[in-house]
Amino acid sequence: MFSFMTALTAEALRLSPQERLELIQEVWQSLSANPDSLQTSAEDIAELERRRSRYLSDPESLVDWNELKARISQRRPHAH
């Protein structure tokens, strides 16, 4: 299987960036169409519960996605 995945990955990397994004979207949609087929580990569940507890104990400590992107953008040196 490893050599198959390597060949598949190499083939996918030959696609243009836009084509790769479309492929990712199609694969994601195929996975989300049947979420019961995906296994969730005990570690994943524990992490989700930890994050939920943190949010419930102090919702103001979390930052929404747009604010986080803005903060990151301010820290990164701008390429010219």
PDB file of N, CA and C in Angstrom:
ATOM      1  N   MET A   1       0.825  -1.201   0.000  1.00  0.00           N
ATOM      2  CA  MET A   1       0.000   0.000   0.000  1.00  0.00           C
ATOM      3  C   MET A   1       0.864   1.258   0.000  1.00  0.00           C
ATOM      4  N   PHE A   2       2.014   1.219   0.654  1.00  0.00           N
ATOM      5  CA  PHE A   2       2.873   2.391   0.713  1.00  0.00           C
ATOM      6  C   PHE A   2       3.262   2.870  -0.675  1.00  0.00           C
ATOM      7  N   SER A   3       3.670   1.944  -1.559  1.00  0.00           N
ATOM      8  CA  SER A   3       4.066   2.356  -2.901  1.00  0.00           C
ATOM      9  C   SER A   3       2.875   2.914  -3.674  1.00  0.00           C
ATOM     10  N   PHE A   4       1.673   2.374  -3.427  1.00  0.00           N
ATOM     11  CA  PHE A   4       0.482   2.917  -4.064  1.00  0.00           C
ATOM     12  C   PHE A   4       0.235   4.346  -3.608  1.00  0.00           C
ATOM     13  N   MET A   5       0.331   4.584  -2.314  1.00  0.00           N
ATOM     14  CA  MET A   5       0.100   5.930  -1.789  1.00  0.00           C
ATOM     15  C   MET A   5       1.169   6.896  -2.297  1.00  0.00           C
ATOM     16  N   THR A   6       2.389   6.431  -2.400  1.00  0.00           N
ATOM     17  CA  THR A   6       3.444   7.286  -2.912  1.00  0.00           C
ATOM     18  C   THR A   6       3.165   7.667  -4.366  1.00  0.00           C
ATOM     19  N   ALA A   7       2.756   6.705  -5.166  1.00  0.00           N
ATOM     20  CA  ALA A   7       2.433   6.978  -6.568  1.00  0.00           C
ATOM     21  C   ALA A   7       1.210   7.889  -6.662  1.00  0.00           C
ATOM     22  N   LEU A   8       0.226   7.649  -5.818  1.00  0.00           N
ATOM     23  CA  LEU A   8      -0.977   8.478  -5.824  1.00  0.00           C
ATOM     24  C   LEU A   8      -0.648   9.908  -5.416  1.00  0.00           C
ATOM     25  N   THR A   9       0.170  10.041  -4.399  1.00  0.00           N
ATOM     26  CA  THR A   9       0.585  11.369  -3.948  1.00  0.00           C
ATOM     27  C   THR A   9       1.376  12.085  -5.029  1.00  0.00           C
ATOM     28  N   ALA A  10       2.296  11.377  -5.661  1.00  0.00           N
ATOM     29  CA  ALA A  10       3.093  11.984  -6.725  1.00  0.00           C
ATOM     30  C   ALA A  10       2.198  12.454  -7.864  1.00  0.00           C
ATOM     31  N   GLU A  11       1.204  11.655  -8.193  1.00  0.00           N
ATOM     32  CA  GLU A  11       0.271  12.041  -9.258  1.00  0.00           C
ATOM     33  C   GLU A  11      -0.529  13.272  -8.853  1.00  0.00           C
ATOM     34  N   ALA A  12      -0.984  13.304  -7.618  1.00  0.00           N
ATOM     35  CA  ALA A  12      -1.760  14.457  -7.139  1.00  0.00           C
ATOM     36  C   ALA A  12      -0.914  15.724  -7.152  1.00  0.00           C
ATOM     37  N   LEU A  13       0.361  15.599  -6.828  1.00  0.00           N
ATOM     38  CA  LEU A  13       1.236  16.769  -6.793  1.00  0.00           C
ATOM     39  C   LEU A  13       1.547  17.321  -8.182  1.00  0.00           C
ATOM     40  N   ARG A  14       1.253  16.554  -9.216  1.00  0.00           N
ATOM     41  CA  ARG A  14       1.433  17.052 -10.581  1.00  0.00           C
ATOM     42  C   ARG A  14       0.293  17.986 -10.987  1.00  0.00           C
ATOM     43  N   LEU A  15      -0.793  17.965 -10.226  1.00  0.00           N
ATOM     44  CA  LEU A  15      -1.934  18.832 -10.531  1.00  0.00           C
ATOM     45  C   LEU A  15      -1.592  20.276 -10.206  1.00  0.00           C
ATOM     46  N   SER A  16      -2.309  21.184 -10.824  1.00  0.00           N
ATOM     47  CA  SER A  16      -2.131  22.606 -10.503  1.00  0.00           C
ATOM     48  C   SER A  16      -2.667  22.857  -9.091  1.00  0.00           C
ATOM     49  N   PRO A  17      -2.266  23.956  -8.470  1.00  0.00           N
ATOM     50  CA  PRO A  17      -2.800  24.254  -7.138  1.00  0.00           C
ATOM     51  C   PRO A  17      -4.336  24.261  -7.103  1.00  0.00           C
ATOM     52  N   GLN A  18      -4.965  24.834  -8.100  1.00  0.00           N
ATOM     53  CA  GLN A  18      -6.428  24.868  -8.142  1.00  0.00           C
ATOM     54  C   GLN A  18      -7.007  23.457  -8.252  1.00  0.00           C
ATOM     55  N   GLU A  19      -6.395  22.629  -9.070  1.00  0.00           N
ATOM     56  CA  GLU A  19      -6.866  21.247  -9.220  1.00  0.00           C
ATOM     57  C   GLU A  19      -6.691  20.459  -7.917  1.00  0.00           C
ATOM     58  N   ARG A  20      -5.588  20.713  -7.207  1.00  0.00           N
ATOM     59  CA  ARG A  20      -5.372  20.033  -5.926  1.00  0.00           C
ATOM     60  C   ARG A  20      -6.416  20.462  -4.909  1.00  0.00           C
ATOM     61  N   LEU A  21      -6.751  21.755  -4.887  1.00  0.00           N
ATOM     62  CA  LEU A  21      -7.799  22.225  -3.980  1.00  0.00           C
ATOM     63  C   LEU A  21      -9.141  21.562  -4.302  1.00  0.00           C
ATOM     64  N   GLU A  22      -9.439  21.440  -5.577  1.00  0.00           N
ATOM     65  CA  GLU A  22     -10.679  20.785  -5.981  1.00  0.00           C
ATOM     66  C   GLU A  22     -10.669  19.311  -5.571  1.00  0.00           C
ATOM     67  N   LEU A  23      -9.521  18.663  -5.712  1.00  0.00           N
ATOM     68  CA  LEU A  23      -9.394  17.266  -5.301  1.00  0.00           C
ATOM     69  C   LEU A  23      -9.613  17.136  -3.789  1.00  0.00           C
ATOM     70  N   ILE A  24      -8.995  18.018  -3.031  1.00  0.00           N
ATOM     71  CA  ILE A  24      -9.167  18.009  -1.578  1.00  0.00           C
ATOM     72  C   ILE A  24     -10.647  18.164  -1.219  1.00  0.00           C
ATOM     73  N   GLN A  25     -11.306  19.087  -1.890  1.00  0.00           N
ATOM     74  CA  GLN A  25     -12.728  19.314  -1.624  1.00  0.00           C
ATOM     75  C   GLN A  25     -13.542  18.057  -1.930  1.00  0.00           C
ATOM     76  N   GLU A  26     -13.258  17.409  -3.038  1.00  0.00           N
ATOM     77  CA  GLU A  26     -13.990  16.199  -3.398  1.00  0.00           C
ATOM     78  C   GLU A  26     -13.739  15.074  -2.395  1.00  0.00           C
ATOM     79  N   VAL A  27     -12.489  14.924  -1.972  1.00  0.00           N
ATOM     80  CA  VAL A  27     -12.171  13.889  -0.992  1.00  0.00           C
ATOM     81  C   VAL A  27     -12.860  14.203   0.335  1.00  0.00           C
ATOM     82  N   TRP A  28     -12.796  15.464   0.762  1.00  0.00           N
ATOM     83  CA  TRP A  28     -13.440  15.866   2.019  1.00  0.00           C
ATOM     84  C   TRP A  28     -14.945  15.598   1.959  1.00  0.00           C
ATOM     85  N   GLN A  29     -15.580  15.947   0.848  1.00  0.00           N
ATOM     86  CA  GLN A  29     -17.014  15.704   0.702  1.00  0.00           C
ATOM     87  C   GLN A  29     -17.326  14.219   0.754  1.00  0.00           C
ATOM     88  N   SER A  30     -16.474  13.387   0.163  1.00  0.00           N
ATOM     89  CA  SER A  30     -16.717  11.942   0.203  1.00  0.00           C
ATOM     90  C   SER A  30     -16.607  11.415   1.631  1.00  0.00           C
ATOM     91  N   LEU A  31     -15.700  11.969   2.418  1.00  0.00           N
ATOM     92  CA  LEU A  31     -15.561  11.547   3.817  1.00  0.00           C
ATOM     93  C   LEU A  31     -16.729  12.047   4.663  1.00  0.00           C
ATOM     94  N   SER A  32     -17.123  13.295   4.453  1.00  0.00           N
ATOM     95  CA  SER A  32     -18.206  13.855   5.260  1.00  0.00           C
ATOM     96  C   SER A  32     -19.564  13.267   4.906  1.00  0.00           C
ATOM     97  N   ALA A  33     -19.678  12.639   3.738  1.00  0.00           N
ATOM     98  CA  ALA A  33     -20.943  12.017   3.354  1.00  0.00           C
ATOM     99  C   ALA A  33     -21.242  10.805   4.225  1.00  0.00           C
ATOM    100  N   ASN A  34     -20.208  10.217   4.821  1.00  0.00           N
ATOM    101  CA  ASN A  34     -20.390   9.037   5.655  1.00  0.00           C
ATOM    102  C   ASN A  34     -19.510   9.161   6.903  1.00  0.00           C
ATOM    103  N   PRO A  35     -19.842  10.089   7.815  1.00  0.00           N
ATOM    104  CA  PRO A  35     -18.973  10.321   8.971  1.00  0.00           C
ATOM    105  C   PRO A  35     -18.853   9.126   9.910  1.00  0.00           C
ATOM    106  N   ASP A  36     -19.825   8.246   9.898  1.00  0.00           N
ATOM    107  CA  ASP A  36     -19.752   7.073  10.778  1.00  0.00           C
ATOM    108  C   ASP A  36     -18.630   6.119  10.381  1.00  0.00           C
ATOM    109  N   SER A  37     -18.135   6.249   9.163  1.00  0.00           N
ATOM    110  CA  SER A  37     -17.051   5.373   8.718  1.00  0.00           C
ATOM    111  C   SER A  37     -15.701   5.811   9.283  1.00  0.00           C
ATOM    112  N   LEU A  38     -15.634   7.004   9.858  1.00  0.00           N
ATOM    113  CA  LEU A  38     -14.382   7.509  10.423  1.00  0.00           C
ATOM    114  C   LEU A  38     -14.302   7.185  11.909  1.00  0.00           C
ATOM    115  N   GLN A  39     -13.171   6.702  12.329  1.00  0.00           N
ATOM    116  CA  GLN A  39     -12.950   6.363  13.735  1.00  0.00           C
ATOM    117  C   GLN A  39     -12.413   7.589  14.467  1.00  0.00           C
ATOM    118  N   THR A  40     -12.916   7.822  15.665  1.00  0.00           N
ATOM    119  CA  THR A  40     -12.409   8.888  16.516  1.00  0.00           C
ATOM    120  C   THR A  40     -11.692   8.229  17.678  1.00  0.00           C
ATOM    121  N   SER A  41     -10.432   8.594  17.863  1.00  0.00           N
ATOM    122  CA  SER A  41      -9.641   7.968  18.926  1.00  0.00           C
ATOM    123  C   SER A  41     -10.038   8.551  20.285  1.00  0.00           C
ATOM    124  N   ALA A  42      -9.695   7.822  21.310  1.00  0.00           N
ATOM    125  CA  ALA A  42      -9.940   8.286  22.678  1.00  0.00           C
ATOM    126  C   ALA A  42      -9.175   9.587  22.933  1.00  0.00           C
ATOM    127  N   GLU A  43      -7.982   9.701  22.352  1.00  0.00           N
ATOM    128  CA  GLU A  43      -7.192  10.928  22.520  1.00  0.00           C
ATOM    129  C   GLU A  43      -7.881  12.121  21.868  1.00  0.00           C
ATOM    130  N   ASP A  44      -8.467  11.910  20.684  1.00  0.00           N
ATOM    131  CA  ASP A  44      -9.192  12.992  20.016  1.00  0.00           C
ATOM    132  C   ASP A  44     -10.381  13.446  20.847  1.00  0.00           C
ATOM    133  N   ILE A  45     -11.122  12.491  21.383  1.00  0.00           N
ATOM    134  CA  ILE A  45     -12.287  12.815  22.201  1.00  0.00           C
ATOM    135  C   ILE A  45     -11.862  13.557  23.464  1.00  0.00           C
ATOM    136  N   ALA A  46     -10.786  13.110  24.088  1.00  0.00           N
ATOM    137  CA  ALA A  46     -10.279  13.784  25.290  1.00  0.00           C
ATOM    138  C   ALA A  46      -9.874  15.218  24.974  1.00  0.00           C
ATOM    139  N   GLU A  47      -9.217  15.429  23.836  1.00  0.00           N
ATOM    140  CA  GLU A  47      -8.808  16.788  23.440  1.00  0.00           C
ATOM    141  C   GLU A  47     -10.024  17.670  23.184  1.00  0.00           C
ATOM    142  N   LEU A  48     -11.021  17.137  22.514  1.00  0.00           N
ATOM    143  CA  LEU A  48     -12.248  17.910  22.270  1.00  0.00           C
ATOM    144  C   LEU A  48     -12.932  18.287  23.583  1.00  0.00           C
ATOM    145  N   GLU A  49     -12.972  17.347  24.500  1.00  0.00           N
ATOM    146  CA  GLU A  49     -13.576  17.629  25.808  1.00  0.00           C
ATOM    147  C   GLU A  49     -12.770  18.671  26.577  1.00  0.00           C
ATOM    148  N   ARG A  50     -11.446  18.602  26.486  1.00  0.00           N
ATOM    149  CA  ARG A  50     -10.591  19.599  27.149  1.00  0.00           C
ATOM    150  C   ARG A  50     -10.870  20.993  26.598  1.00  0.00           C
ATOM    151  N   ARG A  51     -10.965  21.088  25.269  1.00  0.00           N
ATOM    152  CA  ARG A  51     -11.229  22.381  24.636  1.00  0.00           C
ATOM    153  C   ARG A  51     -12.617  22.895  24.983  1.00  0.00           C
ATOM    154  N   ARG A  52     -13.592  21.993  25.025  1.00  0.00           N
ATOM    155  CA  ARG A  52     -14.962  22.387  25.380  1.00  0.00           C
ATOM    156  C   ARG A  52     -14.999  22.909  26.814  1.00  0.00           C
ATOM    157  N   SER A  53     -14.329  22.222  27.728  1.00  0.00           N
ATOM    158  CA  SER A  53     -14.275  22.651  29.127  1.00  0.00           C
ATOM    159  C   SER A  53     -13.626  24.023  29.250  1.00  0.00           C
ATOM    160  N   ARG A  54     -12.544  24.216  28.510  1.00  0.00           N
ATOM    161  CA  ARG A  54     -11.868  25.524  28.537  1.00  0.00           C
ATOM    162  C   ARG A  54     -12.806  26.614  28.051  1.00  0.00           C
ATOM    163  N   TYR A  55     -13.500  26.351  26.965  1.00  0.00           N
ATOM    164  CA  TYR A  55     -14.440  27.339  26.436  1.00  0.00           C
ATOM    165  C   TYR A  55     -15.545  27.638  27.449  1.00  0.00           C
ATOM    166  N   LEU A  56     -16.128  26.595  28.038  1.00  0.00           N
ATOM    167  CA  LEU A  56     -17.221  26.801  28.988  1.00  0.00           C
ATOM    168  C   LEU A  56     -16.772  27.546  30.235  1.00  0.00           C
ATOM    169  N   SER A  57     -15.523  27.333  30.653  1.00  0.00           N
ATOM    170  CA  SER A  57     -15.022  28.004  31.850  1.00  0.00           C
ATOM    171  C   SER A  57     -14.634  29.457  31.586  1.00  0.00           C
ATOM    172  N   ASP A  58     -14.239  29.784  30.346  1.00  0.00           N
ATOM    173  CA  ASP A  58     -13.817  31.161  30.033  1.00  0.00           C
ATOM    174  C   ASP A  58     -13.964  31.435  28.536  1.00  0.00           C
ATOM    175  N   PRO A  59     -15.198  31.637  28.067  1.00  0.00           N
ATOM    176  CA  PRO A  59     -15.413  31.853  26.624  1.00  0.00           C
ATOM    177  C   PRO A  59     -14.652  33.051  26.063  1.00  0.00           C
ATOM    178  N   GLU A  60     -14.381  34.041  26.893  1.00  0.00           N
ATOM    179  CA  GLU A  60     -13.687  35.246  26.420  1.00  0.00           C
ATOM    180  C   GLU A  60     -12.207  35.002  26.137  1.00  0.00           C
ATOM    181  N   SER A  61     -11.668  33.887  26.608  1.00  0.00           N
ATOM    182  CA  SER A  61     -10.246  33.609  26.387  1.00  0.00           C
ATOM    183  C   SER A  61      -9.966  33.133  24.966  1.00  0.00           C
ATOM    184  N   LEU A  62     -11.007  32.761  24.248  1.00  0.00           N
ATOM    185  CA  LEU A  62     -10.834  32.253  22.895  1.00  0.00           C
ATOM    186  C   LEU A  62     -10.934  33.392  21.887  1.00  0.00           C
ATOM    187  N   VAL A  63     -10.286  33.195  20.756  1.00  0.00           N
ATOM    188  CA  VAL A  63     -10.245  34.201  19.697  1.00  0.00           C
ATOM    189  C   VAL A  63     -10.928  33.622  18.471  1.00  0.00           C
ATOM    190  N   ASP A  64     -11.779  34.409  17.811  1.00  0.00           N
ATOM    191  CA  ASP A  64     -12.434  33.879  16.608  1.00  0.00           C
ATOM    192  C   ASP A  64     -11.448  33.861  15.443  1.00  0.00           C
ATOM    193  N   TRP A  65     -11.791  33.110  14.428  1.00  0.00           N
ATOM    194  CA  TRP A  65     -10.898  32.852  13.296  1.00  0.00           C
ATOM    195  C   TRP A  65     -10.436  34.141  12.622  1.00  0.00           C
ATOM    196  N   ASN A  66     -11.326  35.084  12.374  1.00  0.00           N
ATOM    197  CA  ASN A  66     -10.942  36.330  11.695  1.00  0.00           C
ATOM    198  C   ASN A  66      -9.955  37.140  12.528  1.00  0.00           C
ATOM    199  N   GLU A  67     -10.174  37.188  13.831  1.00  0.00           N
ATOM    200  CA  GLU A  67      -9.244  37.913  14.700  1.00  0.00           C
ATOM    201  C   GLU A  67      -7.880  37.225  14.720  1.00  0.00           C
ATOM    202  N   LEU A  68      -7.869  35.912  14.778  1.00  0.00           N
ATOM    203  CA  LEU A  68      -6.604  35.170  14.764  1.00  0.00           C
ATOM    204  C   LEU A  68      -5.828  35.428  13.470  1.00  0.00           C
ATOM    205  N   LYS A  69      -6.525  35.381  12.329  1.00  0.00           N
ATOM    206  CA  LYS A  69      -5.853  35.658  11.053  1.00  0.00           C
ATOM    207  C   LYS A  69      -5.268  37.064  11.047  1.00  0.00           C
ATOM    208  N   ALA A  70      -6.007  38.030  11.576  1.00  0.00           N
ATOM    209  CA  ALA A  70      -5.511  39.407  11.617  1.00  0.00           C
ATOM    210  C   ALA A  70      -4.256  39.507  12.488  1.00  0.00           C
ATOM    211  N   ARG A  71      -4.262  38.845  13.632  1.00  0.00           N
ATOM    212  CA  ARG A  71      -3.089  38.866  14.516  1.00  0.00           C
ATOM    213  C   ARG A  71      -1.872  38.251  13.836  1.00  0.00           C
ATOM    214  N   ILE A  72      -2.076  37.120  13.186  1.00  0.00           N
ATOM    215  CA  ILE A  72      -0.968  36.447  12.494  1.00  0.00           C
ATOM    216  C   ILE A  72      -0.440  37.326  11.378  1.00  0.00           C
ATOM    217  N   SER A  73      -1.341  37.928  10.636  1.00  0.00           N
ATOM    218  CA  SER A  73      -0.966  38.784   9.522  1.00  0.00           C
ATOM    219  C   SER A  73      -0.128  39.966   9.988  1.00  0.00           C
ATOM    220  N   GLN A  74      -0.445  40.522  11.154  1.00  0.00           N
ATOM    221  CA  GLN A  74       0.306  41.650  11.695  1.00  0.00           C
ATOM    222  C   GLN A  74       1.705  41.247  12.113  1.00  0.00           C
ATOM    223  N   ARG A  75       1.889  40.002  12.534  1.00  0.00           N
ATOM    224  CA  ARG A  75       3.194  39.541  13.014  1.00  0.00           C
ATOM    225  C   ARG A  75       4.140  39.154  11.888  1.00  0.00           C
ATOM    226  N   ARG A  76       3.569  38.736  10.766  1.00  0.00           N
ATOM    227  CA  ARG A  76       4.399  38.253   9.648  1.00  0.00           C
ATOM    228  C   ARG A  76       5.018  39.429   8.901  1.00  0.00           C
ATOM    229  N   PRO A  77       6.300  39.307   8.604  1.00  0.00           N
ATOM    230  CA  PRO A  77       6.905  40.353   7.778  1.00  0.00           C
ATOM    231  C   PRO A  77       6.309  40.270   6.365  1.00  0.00           C
ATOM    232  N   HIS A  78       6.015  41.405   5.819  1.00  0.00           N
ATOM    233  CA  HIS A  78       5.415  41.440   4.482  1.00  0.00           C
ATOM    234  C   HIS A  78       6.487  41.260   3.420  1.00  0.00           C
ATOM    235  N   ALA A  79       6.229  40.335   2.512  1.00  0.00           N
ATOM    236  CA  ALA A  79       7.172  40.090   1.414  1.00  0.00           C
ATOM    237  C   ALA A  79       6.933  41.111   0.313  1.00  0.00           C
ATOM    238  N   HIS A  80       7.990  41.697  -0.173  1.00  0.00           N
ATOM    239  CA  HIS A  80       7.875  42.689  -1.259  1.00  0.00           C
ATOM    240  C   HIS A  80       8.666  42.240  -2.451  1.00  0.00           C
TER     241      HIS A  80
END
